[in-house]
Amino acid sequence: MRFLLYTIGGCWVLVNLLTFVLYGVDKLRAKQADRRIPERTLLLLPYLGGSVGALLGMWIFRHKTKHLKFRILVPLALLLQIAVVAALYWYLFVMPK
């Protein structure tokens, strides 16, 4: 069980790091008028576990902060992840008693 939790936690960290970096790369490409990362990708990554990285990327790089869909959907992804983690914690650790 411990190995599984460490593996999931490590994957979560990697997805958030990747998401953060991609938000930074897209901001840099926007400034250089270069080929951009599709918005669909930038919105999908938070729902694959990278919501913290997306929020940090939006805040630190000041990227996509004026887009209403990003201001709503990225925090929503974080809330959904918190709900899933809380439900799994409840199911795995609280309920078995």
PDB file of N, CA and C in Angstrom:
ATOM      1  N   MET A   1       0.822  -1.189   0.000  1.00  0.00           N
ATOM      2  CA  MET A   1       0.000   0.000   0.000  1.00  0.00           C
ATOM      3  C   MET A   1       0.871   1.260   0.000  1.00  0.00           C
ATOM      4  N   ARG A   2       1.947   1.227   0.775  1.00  0.00           N
ATOM      5  CA  ARG A   2       2.841   2.387   0.862  1.00  0.00           C
ATOM      6  C   ARG A   2       3.482   2.669  -0.502  1.00  0.00           C
ATOM      7  N   PHE A   3       3.918   1.606  -1.203  1.00  0.00           N
ATOM      8  CA  PHE A   3       4.525   1.772  -2.523  1.00  0.00           C
ATOM      9  C   PHE A   3       3.536   2.404  -3.497  1.00  0.00           C
ATOM     10  N   LEU A   4       2.296   1.969  -3.446  1.00  0.00           N
ATOM     11  CA  LEU A   4       1.266   2.510  -4.327  1.00  0.00           C
ATOM     12  C   LEU A   4       1.037   3.998  -4.053  1.00  0.00           C
ATOM     13  N   LEU A   5       0.981   4.370  -2.787  1.00  0.00           N
ATOM     14  CA  LEU A   5       0.787   5.785  -2.444  1.00  0.00           C
ATOM     15  C   LEU A   5       1.965   6.639  -2.899  1.00  0.00           C
ATOM     16  N   TYR A   6       3.200   6.127  -2.741  1.00  0.00           N
ATOM     17  CA  TYR A   6       4.375   6.866  -3.199  1.00  0.00           C
ATOM     18  C   TYR A   6       4.383   6.990  -4.724  1.00  0.00           C
ATOM     19  N   THR A   7       3.987   5.945  -5.399  1.00  0.00           N
ATOM     20  CA  THR A   7       3.939   5.964  -6.866  1.00  0.00           C
ATOM     21  C   THR A   7       2.916   6.975  -7.359  1.00  0.00           C
ATOM     22  N   ILE A   8       1.733   6.953  -6.772  1.00  0.00           N
ATOM     23  CA  ILE A   8       0.692   7.910  -7.166  1.00  0.00           C
ATOM     24  C   ILE A   8       1.138   9.334  -6.849  1.00  0.00           C
ATOM     25  N   GLY A   9       1.726   9.533  -5.682  1.00  0.00           N
ATOM     26  CA  GLY A   9       2.213  10.864  -5.306  1.00  0.00           C
ATOM     27  C   GLY A   9       3.304  11.357  -6.240  1.00  0.00           C
ATOM     28  N   GLY A  10       4.201  10.465  -6.616  1.00  0.00           N
ATOM     29  CA  GLY A  10       5.272  10.840  -7.550  1.00  0.00           C
ATOM     30  C   GLY A  10       4.733  11.213  -8.920  1.00  0.00           C
ATOM     31  N   CYS A  11       3.764  10.454  -9.396  1.00  0.00           N
ATOM     32  CA  CYS A  11       3.133  10.772 -10.680  1.00  0.00           C
ATOM     33  C   CYS A  11       2.413  12.112 -10.609  1.00  0.00           C
ATOM     34  N   TRP A  12       1.762  12.379  -9.485  1.00  0.00           N
ATOM     35  CA  TRP A  12       1.053  13.651  -9.306  1.00  0.00           C
ATOM     36  C   TRP A  12       2.040  14.819  -9.368  1.00  0.00           C
ATOM     37  N   VAL A  13       3.184  14.665  -8.718  1.00  0.00           N
ATOM     38  CA  VAL A  13       4.205  15.718  -8.741  1.00  0.00           C
ATOM     39  C   VAL A  13       4.717  15.924 -10.168  1.00  0.00           C
ATOM     40  N   LEU A  14       4.977  14.837 -10.887  1.00  0.00           N
ATOM     41  CA  LEU A  14       5.491  14.951 -12.258  1.00  0.00           C
ATOM     42  C   LEU A  14       4.480  15.613 -13.185  1.00  0.00           C
ATOM     43  N   VAL A  15       3.211  15.254 -13.078  1.00  0.00           N
ATOM     44  CA  VAL A  15       2.181  15.864 -13.922  1.00  0.00           C
ATOM     45  C   VAL A  15       2.077  17.354 -13.626  1.00  0.00           C
ATOM     46  N   ASN A  16       2.142  17.736 -12.363  1.00  0.00           N
ATOM     47  CA  ASN A  16       2.068  19.150 -12.011  1.00  0.00           C
ATOM     48  C   ASN A  16       3.297  19.911 -12.498  1.00  0.00           C
ATOM     49  N   LEU A  17       4.457  19.302 -12.398  1.00  0.00           N
ATOM     50  CA  LEU A  17       5.675  19.937 -12.897  1.00  0.00           C
ATOM     51  C   LEU A  17       5.605  20.119 -14.410  1.00  0.00           C
ATOM     52  N   LEU A  18       5.166  19.088 -15.124  1.00  0.00           N
ATOM     53  CA  LEU A  18       5.013  19.174 -16.576  1.00  0.00           C
ATOM     54  C   LEU A  18       4.017  20.266 -16.955  1.00  0.00           C
ATOM     55  N   THR A  19       2.903  20.315 -16.247  1.00  0.00           N
ATOM     56  CA  THR A  19       1.886  21.329 -16.534  1.00  0.00           C
ATOM     57  C   THR A  19       2.432  22.735 -16.310  1.00  0.00           C
ATOM     58  N   PHE A  20       3.121  22.928 -15.200  1.00  0.00           N
ATOM     59  CA  PHE A  20       3.718  24.224 -14.895  1.00  0.00           C
ATOM     60  C   PHE A  20       4.690  24.646 -15.999  1.00  0.00           C
ATOM     61  N   VAL A  21       5.550  23.733 -16.410  1.00  0.00           N
ATOM     62  CA  VAL A  21       6.539  24.033 -17.447  1.00  0.00           C
ATOM     63  C   VAL A  21       5.843  24.366 -18.767  1.00  0.00           C
ATOM     64  N   LEU A  22       4.802  23.615 -19.130  1.00  0.00           N
ATOM     65  CA  LEU A  22       4.103  23.882 -20.386  1.00  0.00           C
ATOM     66  C   LEU A  22       3.403  25.237 -20.374  1.00  0.00           C
ATOM     67  N   TYR A  23       2.866  25.657 -19.240  1.00  0.00           N
ATOM     68  CA  TYR A  23       2.281  26.989 -19.156  1.00  0.00           C
ATOM     69  C   TYR A  23       3.363  28.051 -19.363  1.00  0.00           C
ATOM     70  N   GLY A  24       4.543  27.834 -18.805  1.00  0.00           N
ATOM     71  CA  GLY A  24       5.652  28.763 -19.007  1.00  0.00           C
ATOM     72  C   GLY A  24       6.135  28.787 -20.446  1.00  0.00           C
ATOM     73  N   VAL A  25       6.231  27.621 -21.057  1.00  0.00           N
ATOM     74  CA  VAL A  25       6.655  27.535 -22.461  1.00  0.00           C
ATOM     75  C   VAL A  25       5.641  28.242 -23.358  1.00  0.00           C
ATOM     76  N   ASP A  26       4.356  28.030 -23.100  1.00  0.00           N
ATOM     77  CA  ASP A  26       3.336  28.678 -23.920  1.00  0.00           C
ATOM     78  C   ASP A  26       3.388  30.188 -23.771  1.00  0.00           C
ATOM     79  N   LYS A  27       3.629  30.680 -22.568  1.00  0.00           N
ATOM     80  CA  LYS A  27       3.750  32.123 -22.351  1.00  0.00           C
ATOM     81  C   LYS A  27       4.948  32.677 -23.128  1.00  0.00           C
ATOM     82  N   LEU A  28       6.069  31.963 -23.079  1.00  0.00           N
ATOM     83  CA  LEU A  28       7.261  32.395 -23.814  1.00  0.00           C
ATOM     84  C   LEU A  28       6.988  32.416 -25.317  1.00  0.00           C
ATOM     85  N   ARG A  29       6.336  31.371 -25.804  1.00  0.00           N
ATOM     86  CA  ARG A  29       6.009  31.320 -27.234  1.00  0.00           C
ATOM     87  C   ARG A  29       5.025  32.421 -27.615  1.00  0.00           C
ATOM     88  N   ALA A  30       4.128  32.779 -26.722  1.00  0.00           N
ATOM     89  CA  ALA A  30       3.183  33.864 -27.010  1.00  0.00           C
ATOM     90  C   ALA A  30       3.929  35.187 -27.161  1.00  0.00           C
ATOM     91  N   LYS A  31       4.909  35.411 -26.309  1.00  0.00           N
ATOM     92  CA  LYS A  31       5.693  36.648 -26.389  1.00  0.00           C
ATOM     93  C   LYS A  31       6.521  36.703 -27.672  1.00  0.00           C
ATOM     94  N   GLN A  32       6.972  35.543 -28.137  1.00  0.00           N
ATOM     95  CA  GLN A  32       7.823  35.484 -29.330  1.00  0.00           C
ATOM     96  C   GLN A  32       7.011  35.292 -30.608  1.00  0.00           C
ATOM     97  N   ALA A  33       5.702  35.263 -30.493  1.00  0.00           N
ATOM     98  CA  ALA A  33       4.813  35.029 -31.638  1.00  0.00           C
ATOM     99  C   ALA A  33       5.180  33.714 -32.340  1.00  0.00           C
ATOM    100  N   ASP A  34       5.490  32.706 -31.542  1.00  0.00           N
ATOM    101  CA  ASP A  34       5.875  31.387 -32.054  1.00  0.00           C
ATOM    102  C   ASP A  34       4.667  30.455 -31.985  1.00  0.00           C
ATOM    103  N   ARG A  35       4.855  29.244 -32.470  1.00  0.00           N
ATOM    104  CA  ARG A  35       3.779  28.249 -32.450  1.00  0.00           C
ATOM    105  C   ARG A  35       3.410  27.917 -31.004  1.00  0.00           C
ATOM    106  N   ARG A  36       2.113  27.965 -30.696  1.00  0.00           N
ATOM    107  CA  ARG A  36       1.631  27.851 -29.324  1.00  0.00           C
ATOM    108  C   ARG A  36       1.184  26.434 -28.991  1.00  0.00           C
ATOM    109  N   ILE A  37       1.059  26.166 -27.705  1.00  0.00           N
ATOM    110  CA  ILE A  37       0.473  24.921 -27.207  1.00  0.00           C
ATOM    111  C   ILE A  37      -1.041  25.107 -27.254  1.00  0.00           C
ATOM    112  N   PRO A  38      -1.777  24.158 -27.819  1.00  0.00           N
ATOM    113  CA  PRO A  38      -3.228  24.331 -27.939  1.00  0.00           C
ATOM    114  C   PRO A  38      -3.906  24.525 -26.584  1.00  0.00           C
ATOM    115  N   GLU A  39      -4.933  25.385 -26.568  1.00  0.00           N
ATOM    116  CA  GLU A  39      -5.671  25.635 -25.334  1.00  0.00           C
ATOM    117  C   GLU A  39      -6.294  24.350 -24.804  1.00  0.00           C
ATOM    118  N   ARG A  40      -6.696  23.473 -25.698  1.00  0.00           N
ATOM    119  CA  ARG A  40      -7.286  22.196 -25.273  1.00  0.00           C
ATOM    120  C   ARG A  40      -6.298  21.423 -24.400  1.00  0.00           C
ATOM    121  N   THR A  41      -5.033  21.435 -24.788  1.00  0.00           N
ATOM    122  CA  THR A  41      -4.004  20.744 -24.003  1.00  0.00           C
ATOM    123  C   THR A  41      -3.809  21.418 -22.649  1.00  0.00           C
ATOM    124  N   LEU A  42      -3.766  22.754 -22.675  1.00  0.00           N
ATOM    125  CA  LEU A  42      -3.571  23.491 -21.426  1.00  0.00           C
ATOM    126  C   LEU A  42      -4.759  23.333 -20.479  1.00  0.00           C
ATOM    127  N   LEU A  43      -5.941  23.054 -21.015  1.00  0.00           N
ATOM    128  CA  LEU A  43      -7.107  22.815 -20.160  1.00  0.00           C
ATOM    129  C   LEU A  43      -7.258  21.345 -19.773  1.00  0.00           C
ATOM    130  N   LEU A  44      -6.704  20.455 -20.571  1.00  0.00           N
ATOM    131  CA  LEU A  44      -6.795  19.023 -20.259  1.00  0.00           C
ATOM    132  C   LEU A  44      -5.847  18.634 -19.128  1.00  0.00           C
ATOM    133  N   LEU A  45      -4.659  19.191 -19.119  1.00  0.00           N
ATOM    134  CA  LEU A  45      -3.647  18.815 -18.123  1.00  0.00           C
ATOM    135  C   LEU A  45      -4.113  18.982 -16.675  1.00  0.00           C
ATOM    136  N   PRO A  46      -4.825  20.064 -16.334  1.00  0.00           N
ATOM    137  CA  PRO A  46      -5.314  20.158 -14.947  1.00  0.00           C
ATOM    138  C   PRO A  46      -6.253  19.017 -14.577  1.00  0.00           C
ATOM    139  N   TYR A  47      -7.016  18.504 -15.530  1.00  0.00           N
ATOM    140  CA  TYR A  47      -7.944  17.407 -15.243  1.00  0.00           C
ATOM    141  C   TYR A  47      -7.251  16.046 -15.230  1.00  0.00           C
ATOM    142  N   LEU A  48      -6.002  16.015 -15.646  1.00  0.00           N
ATOM    143  CA  LEU A  48      -5.200  14.792 -15.557  1.00  0.00           C
ATOM    144  C   LEU A  48      -4.318  14.805 -14.316  1.00  0.00           C
ATOM    145  N   GLY A  49      -4.571  15.760 -13.425  1.00  0.00           N
ATOM    146  CA  GLY A  49      -3.834  15.820 -12.164  1.00  0.00           C
ATOM    147  C   GLY A  49      -2.943  17.027 -12.011  1.00  0.00           C
ATOM    148  N   GLY A  50      -2.852  17.867 -13.032  1.00  0.00           N
ATOM    149  CA  GLY A  50      -1.931  18.995 -12.984  1.00  0.00           C
ATOM    150  C   GLY A  50      -2.563  20.325 -12.617  1.00  0.00           C
ATOM    151  N   SER A  51      -3.585  20.309 -11.792  1.00  0.00           N
ATOM    152  CA  SER A  51      -4.280  21.554 -11.471  1.00  0.00           C
ATOM    153  C   SER A  51      -3.418  22.516 -10.655  1.00  0.00           C
ATOM    154  N   VAL A  52      -2.630  22.003  -9.751  1.00  0.00           N
ATOM    155  CA  VAL A  52      -1.763  22.879  -8.944  1.00  0.00           C
ATOM    156  C   VAL A  52      -0.701  23.516  -9.840  1.00  0.00           C
ATOM    157  N   GLY A  53      -0.111  22.728 -10.729  1.00  0.00           N
ATOM    158  CA  GLY A  53       0.875  23.268 -11.671  1.00  0.00           C
ATOM    159  C   GLY A  53       0.271  24.298 -12.602  1.00  0.00           C
ATOM    160  N   ALA A  54      -0.971  24.067 -13.031  1.00  0.00           N
ATOM    161  CA  ALA A  54      -1.648  25.027 -13.908  1.00  0.00           C
ATOM    162  C   ALA A  54      -1.932  26.331 -13.168  1.00  0.00           C
ATOM    163  N   LEU A  55      -2.431  26.225 -11.943  1.00  0.00           N
ATOM    164  CA  LEU A  55      -2.714  27.438 -11.176  1.00  0.00           C
ATOM    165  C   LEU A  55      -1.434  28.221 -10.887  1.00  0.00           C
ATOM    166  N   LEU A  56      -0.371  27.517 -10.526  1.00  0.00           N
ATOM    167  CA  LEU A  56       0.908  28.200 -10.296  1.00  0.00           C
ATOM    168  C   LEU A  56       1.442  28.818 -11.580  1.00  0.00           C
ATOM    169  N   GLY A  57       1.307  28.098 -12.700  1.00  0.00           N
ATOM    170  CA  GLY A  57       1.743  28.633 -13.986  1.00  0.00           C
ATOM    171  C   GLY A  57       0.961  29.865 -14.391  1.00  0.00           C
ATOM    172  N   MET A  58      -0.338  29.834 -14.155  1.00  0.00           N
ATOM    173  CA  MET A  58      -1.164  30.999 -14.464  1.00  0.00           C
ATOM    174  C   MET A  58      -0.749  32.196 -13.610  1.00  0.00           C
ATOM    175  N   TRP A  59      -0.464  31.939 -12.358  1.00  0.00           N
ATOM    176  CA  TRP A  59      -0.141  33.010 -11.422  1.00  0.00           C
ATOM    177  C   TRP A  59       1.277  33.548 -11.640  1.00  0.00           C
ATOM    178  N   ILE A  60       2.261  32.660 -11.708  1.00  0.00           N
ATOM    179  CA  ILE A  60       3.657  33.090 -11.810  1.00  0.00           C
ATOM    180  C   ILE A  60       3.964  33.690 -13.181  1.00  0.00           C
ATOM    181  N   PHE A  61       3.470  33.054 -14.253  1.00  0.00           N
ATOM    182  CA  PHE A  61       3.746  33.546 -15.604  1.00  0.00           C
ATOM    183  C   PHE A  61       2.706  34.573 -16.064  1.00  0.00           C
ATOM    184  N   ARG A  62       1.673  34.787 -15.254  1.00  0.00           N
ATOM    185  CA  ARG A  62       0.550  35.655 -15.634  1.00  0.00           C
ATOM    186  C   ARG A  62       0.042  35.280 -17.016  1.00  0.00           C
ATOM    187  N   HIS A  63      -0.278  34.013 -17.129  1.00  0.00           N
ATOM    188  CA  HIS A  63      -0.669  33.449 -18.420  1.00  0.00           C
ATOM    189  C   HIS A  63      -2.082  32.890 -18.338  1.00  0.00           C
ATOM    190  N   LYS A  64      -2.916  33.267 -19.271  1.00  0.00           N
ATOM    191  CA  LYS A  64      -4.305  32.810 -19.391  1.00  0.00           C
ATOM    192  C   LYS A  64      -5.180  33.302 -18.242  1.00  0.00           C
ATOM    193  N   THR A  65      -4.751  34.322 -17.544  1.00  0.00           N
ATOM    194  CA  THR A  65      -5.535  34.808 -16.396  1.00  0.00           C
ATOM    195  C   THR A  65      -6.727  35.651 -16.817  1.00  0.00           C
ATOM    196  N   LYS A  66      -6.736  36.154 -18.038  1.00  0.00           N
ATOM    197  CA  LYS A  66      -7.868  36.957 -18.510  1.00  0.00           C
ATOM    198  C   LYS A  66      -8.927  36.111 -19.207  1.00  0.00           C
ATOM    199  N   HIS A  67      -8.612  34.862 -19.467  1.00  0.00           N
ATOM    200  CA  HIS A  67      -9.565  33.973 -20.137  1.00  0.00           C
ATOM    201  C   HIS A  67     -10.509  33.378 -19.100  1.00  0.00           C
ATOM    202  N   LEU A  68     -11.778  33.653 -19.253  1.00  0.00           N
ATOM    203  CA  LEU A  68     -12.771  33.215 -18.278  1.00  0.00           C
ATOM    204  C   LEU A  68     -12.798  31.696 -18.124  1.00  0.00           C
ATOM    205  N   LYS A  69     -12.666  30.985 -19.253  1.00  0.00           N
ATOM    206  CA  LYS A  69     -12.731  29.519 -19.146  1.00  0.00           C
ATOM    207  C   LYS A  69     -11.559  28.959 -18.331  1.00  0.00           C
ATOM    208  N   PHE A  70     -10.399  29.580 -18.405  1.00  0.00           N
ATOM    209  CA  PHE A  70      -9.271  29.133 -17.585  1.00  0.00           C
ATOM    210  C   PHE A  70      -9.485  29.506 -16.120  1.00  0.00           C
ATOM    211  N   ARG A  71     -10.025  30.700 -15.880  1.00  0.00           N
ATOM    212  CA  ARG A  71     -10.265  31.140 -14.502  1.00  0.00           C
ATOM    213  C   ARG A  71     -11.329  30.303 -13.805  1.00  0.00           C
ATOM    214  N   ILE A  72     -12.193  29.651 -14.578  1.00  0.00           N
ATOM    215  CA  ILE A  72     -13.230  28.805 -13.977  1.00  0.00           C
ATOM    216  C   ILE A  72     -12.819  27.336 -13.981  1.00  0.00           C
ATOM    217  N   LEU A  73     -12.365  26.839 -15.128  1.00  0.00           N
ATOM    218  CA  LEU A  73     -12.133  25.401 -15.269  1.00  0.00           C
ATOM    219  C   LEU A  73     -10.900  24.885 -14.527  1.00  0.00           C
ATOM    220  N   VAL A  74      -9.853  25.687 -14.426  1.00  0.00           N
ATOM    221  CA  VAL A  74      -8.645  25.214 -13.726  1.00  0.00           C
ATOM    222  C   VAL A  74      -8.897  25.079 -12.217  1.00  0.00           C
ATOM    223  N   PRO A  75      -9.480  26.079 -11.547  1.00  0.00           N
ATOM    224  CA  PRO A  75      -9.794  25.869 -10.122  1.00  0.00           C
ATOM    225  C   PRO A  75     -10.824  24.749  -9.912  1.00  0.00           C
ATOM    226  N   LEU A  76     -11.738  24.581 -10.864  1.00  0.00           N
ATOM    227  CA  LEU A  76     -12.706  23.490 -10.769  1.00  0.00           C
ATOM    228  C   LEU A  76     -11.997  22.133 -10.795  1.00  0.00           C
ATOM    229  N   ALA A  77     -10.954  22.035 -11.611  1.00  0.00           N
ATOM    230  CA  ALA A  77     -10.172  20.789 -11.657  1.00  0.00           C
ATOM    231  C   ALA A  77      -9.532  20.512 -10.296  1.00  0.00           C
ATOM    232  N   LEU A  78      -9.027  21.549  -9.654  1.00  0.00           N
ATOM    233  CA  LEU A  78      -8.436  21.378  -8.322  1.00  0.00           C
ATOM    234  C   LEU A  78      -9.492  20.915  -7.314  1.00  0.00           C
ATOM    235  N   LEU A  79     -10.661  21.523  -7.354  1.00  0.00           N
ATOM    236  CA  LEU A  79     -11.731  21.115  -6.438  1.00  0.00           C
ATOM    237  C   LEU A  79     -12.145  19.661  -6.669  1.00  0.00           C
ATOM    238  N   LEU A  80     -12.205  19.257  -7.923  1.00  0.00           N
ATOM    239  CA  LEU A  80     -12.541  17.858  -8.229  1.00  0.00           C
ATOM    240  C   LEU A  80     -11.466  16.904  -7.708  1.00  0.00           C
ATOM    241  N   GLN A  81     -10.210  17.287  -7.844  1.00  0.00           N
ATOM    242  CA  GLN A  81      -9.127  16.438  -7.349  1.00  0.00           C
ATOM    243  C   GLN A  81      -9.171  16.328  -5.831  1.00  0.00           C
ATOM    244  N   ILE A  82      -9.468  17.429  -5.164  1.00  0.00           N
ATOM    245  CA  ILE A  82      -9.585  17.389  -3.706  1.00  0.00           C
ATOM    246  C   ILE A  82     -10.728  16.469  -3.300  1.00  0.00           C
ATOM    247  N   ALA A  83     -11.837  16.544  -4.012  1.00  0.00           N
ATOM    248  CA  ALA A  83     -12.989  15.688  -3.710  1.00  0.00           C
ATOM    249  C   ALA A  83     -12.653  14.210  -3.927  1.00  0.00           C
ATOM    250  N   VAL A  84     -11.927  13.906  -4.992  1.00  0.00           N
ATOM    251  CA  VAL A  84     -11.546  12.510  -5.272  1.00  0.00           C
ATOM    252  C   VAL A  84     -10.605  11.991  -4.193  1.00  0.00           C
ATOM    253  N   VAL A  85      -9.626  12.801  -3.807  1.00  0.00           N
ATOM    254  CA  VAL A  85      -8.676  12.377  -2.768  1.00  0.00           C
ATOM    255  C   VAL A  85      -9.405  12.170  -1.438  1.00  0.00           C
ATOM    256  N   ALA A  86     -10.318  13.075  -1.112  1.00  0.00           N
ATOM    257  CA  ALA A  86     -11.083  12.943   0.135  1.00  0.00           C
ATOM    258  C   ALA A  86     -11.944  11.679   0.111  1.00  0.00           C
ATOM    259  N   ALA A  87     -12.566  11.400  -1.028  1.00  0.00           N
ATOM    260  CA  ALA A  87     -13.400  10.201  -1.142  1.00  0.00           C
ATOM    261  C   ALA A  87     -12.551   8.939  -1.034  1.00  0.00           C
ATOM    262  N   LEU A  88     -11.393   8.934  -1.680  1.00  0.00           N
ATOM    263  CA  LEU A  88     -10.508   7.766  -1.587  1.00  0.00           C
ATOM    264  C   LEU A  88      -9.994   7.581  -0.164  1.00  0.00           C
ATOM    265  N   TYR A  89      -9.637   8.666   0.497  1.00  0.00           N
ATOM    266  CA  TYR A  89      -9.192   8.577   1.889  1.00  0.00           C
ATOM    267  C   TYR A  89     -10.298   7.987   2.759  1.00  0.00           C
ATOM    268  N   TRP A  90     -11.492   8.492   2.581  1.00  0.00           N
ATOM    269  CA  TRP A  90     -12.639   7.996   3.339  1.00  0.00           C
ATOM    270  C   TRP A  90     -12.851   6.502   3.077  1.00  0.00           C
ATOM    271  N   TYR A  91     -12.828   6.125   1.810  1.00  0.00           N
ATOM    272  CA  TYR A  91     -13.095   4.739   1.426  1.00  0.00           C
ATOM    273  C   TYR A  91     -11.993   3.792   1.901  1.00  0.00           C
ATOM    274  N   LEU A  92     -10.725   4.228   1.825  1.00  0.00           N
ATOM    275  CA  LEU A  92      -9.608   3.345   2.157  1.00  0.00           C
ATOM    276  C   LEU A  92      -9.256   3.310   3.638  1.00  0.00           C
ATOM    277  N   PHE A  93      -9.429   4.429   4.335  1.00  0.00           N
ATOM    278  CA  PHE A  93      -8.911   4.491   5.696  1.00  0.00           C
ATOM    279  C   PHE A  93      -9.992   4.661   6.788  1.00  0.00           C
ATOM    280  N   VAL A  94     -11.073   5.318   6.477  1.00  0.00           N
ATOM    281  CA  VAL A  94     -12.079   5.590   7.493  1.00  0.00           C
ATOM    282  C   VAL A  94     -13.151   4.508   7.492  1.00  0.00           C
ATOM    283  N   MET A  95     -13.656   4.166   6.349  1.00  0.00           N
ATOM    284  CA  MET A  95     -14.772   3.251   6.241  1.00  0.00           C
ATOM    285  C   MET A  95     -14.474   1.804   6.676  1.00  0.00           C
ATOM    286  N   PRO A  96     -13.272   1.273   6.437  1.00  0.00           N
ATOM    287  CA  PRO A  96     -13.023  -0.135   6.769  1.00  0.00           C
ATOM    288  C   PRO A  96     -13.192  -0.492   8.241  1.00  0.00           C
ATOM    289  N   LYS A  97     -13.258   0.463   9.138  1.00  0.00           N
ATOM    290  CA  LYS A  97     -13.362   0.163  10.571  1.00  0.00           C
ATOM    291  C   LYS A  97     -14.609  -0.546  10.942  1.00  0.00           C
TER     292      LYS A  97
END
